[in-house]
Amino acid sequence: MASVNSPEDEDSAVDGINITPLVDVLMVVLVMFILTATAQVAGIRVDLPKASSSVSLSESKTKAISINDVGQVFLDAYPVTLPELEDRLRTEKALNPDFPVVVRGDAVVQYQKVIEVLDLLRRLELTQVGLVTGRPK
């Protein structure tokens, strides 16, 4: 009578690959891609200037500073004055010293307002600063 676990079966090659763990990992990657691709700063309408190439700077800890067409400054969709912006960024830097910042300025905003924000970021010694542009049509 033959035994259930014969020595010949132990040395034989595996005929199939279990792809269940691979599918699970791919589903997680797909969900993360969908979530990060749709993440945007909501609530502030800014008409971005156009550039020939643009790079996505979206990260989970990124702080977005928006300047609308009348020169009002927003930090993550909340209106702030420049002193309030400095205080909040200083607090964030104390918690996370190396966080990225993106500046979104409306195409018709006064250049001086953008320079004031960039100067504030320089004074706070924030080095990961990006300027957001739109794609040309």
Protein backbone atom coordinates (compact mmCIF):
# COMPACT_ATOMS: atom_id res chain seq x y z
CA MET A 1 0.00 0.00 0.00
CA ALA A 2 1.41 3.40 -0.96
CA SER A 3 1.86 6.07 1.65
CA VAL A 4 0.30 9.50 1.27
CA ASN A 5 3.65 11.36 1.50
CA SER A 6 6.06 9.43 -0.63
CA PRO A 7 9.70 10.59 -0.91
CA GLU A 8 9.26 11.12 -4.64
CA ASP A 9 6.60 13.83 -4.05
CA GLU A 10 8.88 15.87 -1.75
CA ASP A 11 11.57 16.34 -4.40
CA SER A 12 9.24 17.19 -7.28
CA ALA A 13 9.09 20.76 -8.61
CA VAL A 14 6.19 23.06 -7.82
CA ASP A 15 3.93 23.25 -10.84
CA GLY A 16 2.09 26.48 -9.96
CA ILE A 17 2.70 29.81 -8.31
CA ASN A 18 0.34 31.13 -5.68
CA ILE A 19 -0.52 34.63 -6.95
CA THR A 20 -2.91 35.58 -4.13
CA PRO A 21 -0.27 37.62 -2.21
CA LEU A 22 0.74 39.36 -5.44
CA VAL A 23 -2.86 40.35 -6.17
CA ASP A 24 -3.25 41.66 -2.61
CA VAL A 25 -0.14 43.84 -2.94
CA LEU A 26 -1.23 45.14 -6.35
CA MET A 27 -4.67 46.06 -4.99
CA VAL A 28 -3.07 48.05 -2.15
CA VAL A 29 -0.77 49.84 -4.61
CA LEU A 30 -3.75 50.63 -6.86
CA VAL A 31 -5.77 52.08 -3.97
CA MET A 32 -2.80 54.21 -2.85
CA PHE A 33 -2.30 55.46 -6.41
CA ILE A 34 -5.97 56.43 -6.71
CA LEU A 35 -5.91 58.25 -3.37
CA THR A 36 -2.73 60.20 -4.09
CA ALA A 37 -3.68 61.03 -7.67
CA THR A 38 -6.92 62.69 -6.61
CA ALA A 39 -5.49 64.58 -3.61
CA GLN A 40 -5.69 68.35 -4.13
CA VAL A 41 -6.08 71.48 -2.08
CA ALA A 42 -9.80 72.06 -2.11
CA GLY A 43 -11.75 75.26 -1.78
CA ILE A 44 -9.46 77.87 -3.36
CA ARG A 45 -9.82 78.71 -7.02
CA VAL A 46 -6.46 79.81 -8.38
CA ASP A 47 -5.79 80.41 -12.07
CA LEU A 48 -2.23 79.07 -12.28
CA PRO A 49 0.30 80.49 -14.74
CA LYS A 50 1.31 78.06 -17.48
CA ALA A 51 4.72 76.42 -17.89
CA SER A 52 6.08 74.08 -20.55
CA SER A 53 6.72 71.35 -17.98
CA SER A 54 5.49 70.80 -14.47
CA VAL A 55 6.36 68.31 -11.74
CA SER A 56 3.90 66.94 -9.22
CA LEU A 57 4.92 67.85 -5.68
CA SER A 58 2.07 66.19 -3.85
CA GLU A 59 3.04 64.56 -0.60
CA SER A 60 1.02 63.82 2.49
CA LYS A 61 2.86 66.39 4.68
CA THR A 62 3.10 69.10 2.03
CA LYS A 63 1.86 72.52 3.08
CA ALA A 64 0.15 74.47 0.30
CA ILE A 65 0.26 78.26 0.30
CA SER A 66 -2.19 79.79 -2.17
CA ILE A 67 -2.45 83.42 -3.25
CA ASN A 68 -5.67 84.32 -5.05
CA ASP A 69 -6.22 87.03 -7.66
CA VAL A 70 -6.83 89.77 -5.04
CA GLY A 71 -3.68 88.91 -3.08
CA GLN A 72 -5.28 87.05 -0.18
CA VAL A 73 -3.02 84.33 1.28
CA PHE A 74 -4.28 80.86 2.24
CA LEU A 75 -2.52 78.05 4.11
CA ASP A 76 -4.12 74.71 3.22
CA ALA A 77 -7.42 76.42 2.19
CA TYR A 78 -7.60 78.60 5.33
CA PRO A 79 -7.15 82.39 4.95
CA VAL A 80 -4.19 83.77 6.91
CA THR A 81 -2.23 86.99 7.21
CA LEU A 82 1.53 86.94 6.70
CA PRO A 83 2.25 87.02 10.49
CA GLU A 84 -0.23 84.15 11.04
CA LEU A 85 1.39 82.25 8.16
CA GLU A 86 4.80 82.70 9.75
CA ASP A 87 3.55 81.49 13.14
CA ARG A 88 1.87 78.40 11.69
CA LEU A 89 4.86 77.48 9.54
CA ARG A 90 7.21 78.01 12.49
CA THR A 91 5.03 75.63 14.56
CA GLU A 92 5.01 73.06 11.76
CA LYS A 93 8.79 73.33 11.42
CA ALA A 94 9.17 72.63 15.15
CA LEU A 95 7.14 69.43 14.71
CA ASN A 96 8.59 68.40 11.35
CA PRO A 97 11.79 70.27 10.41
CA ASP A 98 11.98 69.07 6.81
CA PHE A 99 8.50 69.40 5.29
CA PRO A 100 7.84 70.51 1.69
CA VAL A 101 5.93 73.68 0.84
CA VAL A 102 4.25 74.52 -2.46
CA VAL A 103 3.25 78.04 -3.45
CA ARG A 104 0.24 78.44 -5.74
CA GLY A 105 -0.08 82.00 -7.04
CA ASP A 106 -2.84 83.19 -9.33
CA ALA A 107 -1.62 84.29 -12.76
CA VAL A 108 -2.80 87.88 -12.19
CA VAL A 109 -1.58 88.25 -8.59
CA GLN A 110 0.91 91.02 -7.88
CA TYR A 111 4.45 89.69 -8.04
CA GLN A 112 5.28 91.51 -4.79
CA LYS A 113 2.85 89.32 -2.82
CA VAL A 114 4.52 86.12 -4.05
CA ILE A 115 7.95 87.57 -3.20
CA GLU A 116 6.75 88.39 0.33
CA VAL A 117 5.66 84.78 0.83
CA LEU A 118 8.92 83.41 -0.63
CA ASP A 119 10.93 85.79 1.57
CA LEU A 120 9.03 84.54 4.63
CA LEU A 121 9.86 80.94 3.67
CA ARG A 122 13.53 81.89 3.28
CA ARG A 123 13.56 83.54 6.73
CA LEU A 124 12.14 80.34 8.22
CA GLU A 125 14.90 78.39 6.40
CA LEU A 126 12.45 76.14 4.58
CA THR A 127 14.38 74.65 1.68
CA GLN A 128 11.83 72.34 0.05
CA VAL A 129 9.79 74.99 -1.77
CA GLY A 130 8.02 74.48 -5.07
CA LEU A 131 6.06 76.83 -7.31
CA VAL A 132 2.95 75.25 -8.80
CA THR A 133 2.11 75.94 -12.43
CA GLY A 134 -0.54 74.67 -14.78
CA ARG A 135 0.00 72.96 -18.09
CA PRO A 136 -0.30 75.01 -21.27
CA LYS A 137 -3.35 74.34 -23.41
